[in-house]
Amino acid sequence: MPNLVLEYSNSVEERVNIQGLLEDLHQVAIDSGLFETASIKSRTLRCHHWLIGEQGDSVDFIHLSFELLDGRSGQQKRELSRQLMAVLAEQASQVHSLTINVRDMDKDSFQKIIY
């Protein structure tokens, strides 16, 4: 049930192949062996308006949120984050800010319906 959400400033599209980056990040999640492949969901969100510190919107960013159901060890999450960042750094080194947040979702409050 992991959700990989790649947020990026719209100016990033001029220098980064967003679809290719998303596919490679999705593959990292698959290759991690931590999840059932069919449960991994990856998507992008293009940001048209953003502010970073006092630089406002003059610099660009990519932020990756990776939400997963709790139960993985800290070491597993650190390694996943490291592998995801390696892909980001390789494909988007010209982007001002690259960040990743891997966080647990509470199993008791998570709801899911598949038709």
N, C-alpha and C. Protein backbone atom coordinates (compact mmCIF):
# COMPACT_ATOMS: atom_id res chain seq x y z
N MET A 1 0.79 -1.20 0.00
CA MET A 1 0.00 0.00 0.00
C MET A 1 0.83 1.26 0.00
N PRO A 2 2.02 1.26 -0.45
CA PRO A 2 2.73 2.53 -0.42
C PRO A 2 2.23 3.50 -1.49
N ASN A 3 2.30 4.78 -1.14
CA ASN A 3 1.98 5.87 -2.07
C ASN A 3 3.23 6.71 -2.23
N LEU A 4 3.71 6.79 -3.45
CA LEU A 4 4.85 7.62 -3.79
C LEU A 4 4.31 8.85 -4.52
N VAL A 5 4.53 10.03 -3.96
CA VAL A 5 4.02 11.27 -4.56
C VAL A 5 5.21 12.18 -4.82
N LEU A 6 5.44 12.48 -6.08
CA LEU A 6 6.54 13.33 -6.50
C LEU A 6 5.99 14.72 -6.79
N GLU A 7 6.28 15.67 -5.91
CA GLU A 7 5.87 17.07 -6.09
C GLU A 7 7.06 17.82 -6.69
N TYR A 8 6.77 18.73 -7.62
CA TYR A 8 7.87 19.47 -8.22
C TYR A 8 7.39 20.83 -8.72
N SER A 9 8.31 21.79 -8.70
CA SER A 9 7.99 23.11 -9.25
C SER A 9 7.93 23.00 -10.78
N ASN A 10 7.02 23.73 -11.37
CA ASN A 10 6.78 23.56 -12.80
C ASN A 10 8.01 23.82 -13.66
N SER A 11 8.95 24.62 -13.19
CA SER A 11 10.16 24.90 -13.97
C SER A 11 11.07 23.67 -14.11
N VAL A 12 10.88 22.67 -13.26
CA VAL A 12 11.70 21.46 -13.30
C VAL A 12 11.49 20.71 -14.62
N GLU A 13 10.29 20.78 -15.17
CA GLU A 13 9.99 20.04 -16.41
C GLU A 13 10.88 20.45 -17.57
N GLU A 14 11.47 21.62 -17.51
CA GLU A 14 12.36 22.07 -18.58
C GLU A 14 13.67 21.29 -18.61
N ARG A 15 14.05 20.69 -17.47
CA ARG A 15 15.34 20.04 -17.36
C ARG A 15 15.30 18.58 -16.95
N VAL A 16 14.17 18.11 -16.48
CA VAL A 16 14.07 16.74 -15.96
C VAL A 16 12.94 16.01 -16.69
N ASN A 17 13.20 14.78 -17.07
CA ASN A 17 12.17 13.92 -17.66
C ASN A 17 11.32 13.37 -16.50
N ILE A 18 10.23 14.05 -16.21
CA ILE A 18 9.42 13.72 -15.03
C ILE A 18 8.84 12.30 -15.13
N GLN A 19 8.31 11.92 -16.29
CA GLN A 19 7.74 10.58 -16.44
C GLN A 19 8.82 9.52 -16.24
N GLY A 20 9.99 9.72 -16.82
CA GLY A 20 11.08 8.76 -16.66
C GLY A 20 11.54 8.68 -15.21
N LEU A 21 11.62 9.83 -14.55
CA LEU A 21 12.00 9.85 -13.14
C LEU A 21 10.98 9.10 -12.30
N LEU A 22 9.70 9.35 -12.55
CA LEU A 22 8.64 8.65 -11.80
C LEU A 22 8.75 7.14 -12.01
N GLU A 23 8.96 6.72 -13.24
CA GLU A 23 9.08 5.28 -13.52
C GLU A 23 10.27 4.67 -12.78
N ASP A 24 11.39 5.38 -12.74
CA ASP A 24 12.57 4.85 -12.06
C ASP A 24 12.37 4.80 -10.54
N LEU A 25 11.73 5.81 -9.97
CA LEU A 25 11.43 5.79 -8.54
C LEU A 25 10.45 4.67 -8.20
N HIS A 26 9.45 4.47 -9.04
CA HIS A 26 8.49 3.39 -8.87
C HIS A 26 9.22 2.04 -8.88
N GLN A 27 10.19 1.91 -9.78
CA GLN A 27 10.96 0.66 -9.86
C GLN A 27 11.78 0.42 -8.60
N VAL A 28 12.30 1.48 -8.00
CA VAL A 28 13.02 1.34 -6.72
C VAL A 28 12.09 0.73 -5.67
N ALA A 29 10.85 1.21 -5.62
CA ALA A 29 9.88 0.67 -4.65
C ALA A 29 9.62 -0.80 -4.93
N ILE A 30 9.47 -1.15 -6.21
CA ILE A 30 9.26 -2.55 -6.58
C ILE A 30 10.46 -3.40 -6.17
N ASP A 31 11.64 -2.93 -6.54
CA ASP A 31 12.86 -3.70 -6.29
C ASP A 31 13.23 -3.82 -4.80
N SER A 32 12.65 -2.95 -3.97
CA SER A 32 12.98 -2.99 -2.54
C SER A 32 12.55 -4.30 -1.89
N GLY A 33 11.53 -4.95 -2.45
CA GLY A 33 11.02 -6.19 -1.87
C GLY A 33 10.20 -5.97 -0.61
N LEU A 34 9.90 -4.71 -0.28
CA LEU A 34 9.15 -4.41 0.94
C LEU A 34 7.65 -4.42 0.74
N PHE A 35 7.20 -4.46 -0.51
CA PHE A 35 5.77 -4.29 -0.81
C PHE A 35 5.32 -5.28 -1.88
N GLU A 36 4.02 -5.55 -1.87
CA GLU A 36 3.45 -6.28 -2.99
C GLU A 36 3.43 -5.34 -4.18
N THR A 37 3.95 -5.78 -5.30
CA THR A 37 4.08 -4.91 -6.48
C THR A 37 2.76 -4.26 -6.86
N ALA A 38 1.68 -5.01 -6.84
CA ALA A 38 0.38 -4.47 -7.26
C ALA A 38 -0.14 -3.37 -6.33
N SER A 39 0.43 -3.26 -5.14
CA SER A 39 -0.06 -2.27 -4.18
C SER A 39 0.65 -0.93 -4.27
N ILE A 40 1.72 -0.85 -5.04
CA ILE A 40 2.52 0.38 -5.11
C ILE A 40 1.84 1.37 -6.06
N LYS A 41 1.60 2.57 -5.56
CA LYS A 41 0.96 3.62 -6.36
C LYS A 41 1.89 4.82 -6.42
N SER A 42 2.20 5.28 -7.62
CA SER A 42 3.11 6.41 -7.81
C SER A 42 2.46 7.45 -8.70
N ARG A 43 2.68 8.72 -8.36
CA ARG A 43 2.09 9.81 -9.15
C ARG A 43 2.90 11.08 -8.94
N THR A 44 2.63 12.05 -9.81
CA THR A 44 3.29 13.35 -9.70
C THR A 44 2.27 14.45 -9.46
N LEU A 45 2.73 15.50 -8.82
CA LEU A 45 1.94 16.71 -8.62
C LEU A 45 2.81 17.90 -9.02
N ARG A 46 2.41 18.57 -10.06
CA ARG A 46 3.14 19.75 -10.53
C ARG A 46 2.65 20.98 -9.76
N CYS A 47 3.57 21.71 -9.19
CA CYS A 47 3.23 22.90 -8.41
C CYS A 47 3.45 24.15 -9.26
N HIS A 48 2.43 24.95 -9.36
CA HIS A 48 2.52 26.17 -10.14
C HIS A 48 2.90 27.37 -9.27
N HIS A 49 2.68 27.25 -7.99
CA HIS A 49 2.98 28.33 -7.06
C HIS A 49 3.71 27.74 -5.86
N TRP A 50 4.85 28.34 -5.49
CA TRP A 50 5.63 27.88 -4.36
C TRP A 50 6.54 29.01 -3.89
N LEU A 51 7.02 28.87 -2.68
CA LEU A 51 7.96 29.82 -2.10
C LEU A 51 9.00 29.03 -1.32
N ILE A 52 10.25 29.41 -1.46
CA ILE A 52 11.33 28.76 -0.71
C ILE A 52 12.13 29.85 -0.01
N GLY A 53 12.04 29.89 1.31
CA GLY A 53 12.77 30.88 2.09
C GLY A 53 12.59 32.29 1.56
N GLU A 54 13.66 33.04 1.53
CA GLU A 54 13.62 34.40 1.01
C GLU A 54 13.82 34.44 -0.50
N GLN A 55 14.08 33.27 -1.11
CA GLN A 55 14.28 33.21 -2.55
C GLN A 55 12.97 33.11 -3.32
N GLY A 56 11.87 32.95 -2.59
CA GLY A 56 10.56 32.90 -3.22
C GLY A 56 10.46 31.77 -4.23
N ASP A 57 10.02 32.12 -5.44
CA ASP A 57 9.87 31.10 -6.48
C ASP A 57 11.00 31.17 -7.51
N SER A 58 12.12 31.78 -7.14
CA SER A 58 13.24 31.90 -8.07
C SER A 58 14.10 30.64 -8.11
N VAL A 59 13.88 29.72 -7.19
CA VAL A 59 14.59 28.44 -7.20
C VAL A 59 13.56 27.32 -7.27
N ASP A 60 13.99 26.17 -7.77
CA ASP A 60 13.05 25.06 -7.96
C ASP A 60 13.30 23.94 -6.97
N PHE A 61 12.37 22.97 -6.97
CA PHE A 61 12.46 21.88 -5.99
C PHE A 61 11.80 20.62 -6.54
N ILE A 62 12.19 19.51 -5.95
CA ILE A 62 11.47 18.24 -6.05
C ILE A 62 11.36 17.71 -4.63
N HIS A 63 10.15 17.35 -4.24
CA HIS A 63 9.94 16.72 -2.93
C HIS A 63 9.20 15.41 -3.15
N LEU A 64 9.73 14.36 -2.57
CA LEU A 64 9.13 13.03 -2.68
C LEU A 64 8.55 12.64 -1.34
N SER A 65 7.25 12.40 -1.31
CA SER A 65 6.59 11.85 -0.11
C SER A 65 6.34 10.38 -0.37
N PHE A 66 6.75 9.54 0.55
CA PHE A 66 6.55 8.10 0.41
C PHE A 66 5.85 7.62 1.67
N GLU A 67 4.57 7.35 1.55
CA GLU A 67 3.77 6.89 2.69
C GLU A 67 3.58 5.39 2.61
N LEU A 68 3.78 4.72 3.73
CA LEU A 68 3.61 3.27 3.77
C LEU A 68 2.98 2.88 5.09
N LEU A 69 2.32 1.75 5.09
CA LEU A 69 1.74 1.26 6.34
C LEU A 69 2.86 0.91 7.31
N ASP A 70 2.64 1.21 8.58
CA ASP A 70 3.68 0.97 9.58
C ASP A 70 4.01 -0.51 9.64
N GLY A 71 5.19 -0.79 10.15
CA GLY A 71 5.62 -2.18 10.27
C GLY A 71 7.01 -2.43 9.70
N ARG A 72 7.56 -1.47 8.93
CA ARG A 72 8.92 -1.62 8.42
C ARG A 72 9.89 -1.06 9.46
N SER A 73 11.07 -1.62 9.49
CA SER A 73 12.07 -1.16 10.45
C SER A 73 12.65 0.18 10.01
N GLY A 74 13.26 0.86 10.95
CA GLY A 74 13.94 2.11 10.63
C GLY A 74 15.02 1.89 9.57
N GLN A 75 15.74 0.80 9.67
CA GLN A 75 16.79 0.49 8.69
C GLN A 75 16.20 0.29 7.30
N GLN A 76 15.07 -0.41 7.20
CA GLN A 76 14.43 -0.61 5.89
C GLN A 76 14.00 0.72 5.29
N LYS A 77 13.45 1.61 6.10
CA LYS A 77 13.00 2.91 5.61
C LYS A 77 14.19 3.80 5.23
N ARG A 78 15.27 3.75 6.00
CA ARG A 78 16.47 4.52 5.66
C ARG A 78 17.06 4.05 4.33
N GLU A 79 17.12 2.75 4.14
CA GLU A 79 17.67 2.21 2.89
C GLU A 79 16.79 2.57 1.70
N LEU A 80 15.48 2.49 1.87
CA LEU A 80 14.56 2.89 0.81
C LEU A 80 14.76 4.36 0.47
N SER A 81 14.85 5.21 1.47
CA SER A 81 15.06 6.63 1.27
C SER A 81 16.39 6.88 0.55
N ARG A 82 17.43 6.18 0.95
CA ARG A 82 18.75 6.32 0.32
C ARG A 82 18.70 5.95 -1.16
N GLN A 83 18.01 4.85 -1.48
CA GLN A 83 17.92 4.41 -2.87
C GLN A 83 17.09 5.39 -3.71
N LEU A 84 16.02 5.91 -3.13
CA LEU A 84 15.20 6.90 -3.85
C LEU A 84 16.01 8.17 -4.10
N MET A 85 16.77 8.62 -3.09
CA MET A 85 17.57 9.83 -3.25
C MET A 85 18.66 9.64 -4.29
N ALA A 86 19.22 8.46 -4.38
CA ALA A 86 20.24 8.19 -5.39
C ALA A 86 19.67 8.42 -6.79
N VAL A 87 18.46 7.98 -7.03
CA VAL A 87 17.81 8.19 -8.33
C VAL A 87 17.54 9.67 -8.55
N LEU A 88 17.00 10.35 -7.53
CA LEU A 88 16.76 11.80 -7.65
C LEU A 88 18.05 12.55 -7.96
N ALA A 89 19.09 12.28 -7.21
CA ALA A 89 20.35 12.99 -7.39
C ALA A 89 20.95 12.74 -8.78
N GLU A 90 20.80 11.53 -9.26
CA GLU A 90 21.34 11.18 -10.59
C GLU A 90 20.59 11.90 -11.71
N GLN A 91 19.27 11.99 -11.59
CA GLN A 91 18.47 12.52 -12.69
C GLN A 91 18.09 13.99 -12.54
N ALA A 92 18.26 14.56 -11.36
CA ALA A 92 17.80 15.93 -11.12
C ALA A 92 18.83 16.76 -10.35
N SER A 93 20.10 16.53 -10.60
CA SER A 93 21.14 17.25 -9.85
C SER A 93 21.13 18.75 -10.11
N GLN A 94 20.52 19.18 -11.19
CA GLN A 94 20.46 20.61 -11.50
C GLN A 94 19.30 21.32 -10.79
N VAL A 95 18.47 20.58 -10.07
CA VAL A 95 17.36 21.17 -9.32
C VAL A 95 17.89 21.66 -7.97
N HIS A 96 17.48 22.84 -7.55
CA HIS A 96 18.00 23.49 -6.34
C HIS A 96 17.81 22.64 -5.08
N SER A 97 16.62 22.09 -4.86
CA SER A 97 16.31 21.38 -3.62
C SER A 97 15.69 20.03 -3.91
N LEU A 98 16.30 18.98 -3.39
CA LEU A 98 15.77 17.62 -3.50
C LEU A 98 15.54 17.09 -2.09
N THR A 99 14.30 16.70 -1.79
CA THR A 99 13.99 16.20 -0.44
C THR A 99 13.10 14.97 -0.53
N ILE A 100 13.19 14.14 0.50
CA ILE A 100 12.38 12.92 0.59
C ILE A 100 11.89 12.79 2.03
N ASN A 101 10.62 12.40 2.17
CA ASN A 101 10.08 12.08 3.48
C ASN A 101 9.39 10.73 3.38
N VAL A 102 9.93 9.74 4.07
CA VAL A 102 9.31 8.42 4.16
C VAL A 102 8.60 8.38 5.50
N ARG A 103 7.30 8.13 5.48
CA ARG A 103 6.56 8.15 6.75
C ARG A 103 5.53 7.02 6.82
N ASP A 104 5.32 6.59 8.05
CA ASP A 104 4.35 5.52 8.32
C ASP A 104 2.94 6.06 8.37
N MET A 105 2.02 5.25 7.90
CA MET A 105 0.59 5.50 8.06
C MET A 105 0.08 4.54 9.13
N ASP A 106 -0.89 4.96 9.87
CA ASP A 106 -1.44 4.16 10.96
C ASP A 106 -2.38 3.09 10.40
N LYS A 107 -2.05 1.81 10.63
CA LYS A 107 -2.88 0.71 10.12
C LYS A 107 -4.29 0.75 10.70
N ASP A 108 -4.44 1.21 11.94
CA ASP A 108 -5.75 1.22 12.57
C ASP A 108 -6.71 2.21 11.93
N SER A 109 -6.19 3.27 11.34
CA SER A 109 -7.08 4.27 10.76
C SER A 109 -7.08 4.26 9.23
N PHE A 110 -6.24 3.46 8.61
CA PHE A 110 -6.20 3.38 7.15
C PHE A 110 -7.40 2.60 6.64
N GLN A 111 -8.02 3.10 5.60
CA GLN A 111 -9.17 2.43 4.98
C GLN A 111 -8.88 2.23 3.50
N LYS A 112 -9.38 1.12 2.92
CA LYS A 112 -9.15 0.84 1.51
C LYS A 112 -10.31 0.03 0.96
N ILE A 113 -10.75 0.39 -0.24
CA ILE A 113 -11.77 -0.37 -0.96
C ILE A 113 -11.24 -0.60 -2.37
N ILE A 114 -11.29 -1.82 -2.82
CA ILE A 114 -10.94 -2.15 -4.21
C ILE A 114 -12.14 -2.85 -4.83
N TYR A 115 -12.59 -2.32 -5.95
CA TYR A 115 -13.74 -2.92 -6.64
C TYR A 115 -13.28 -3.80 -7.78
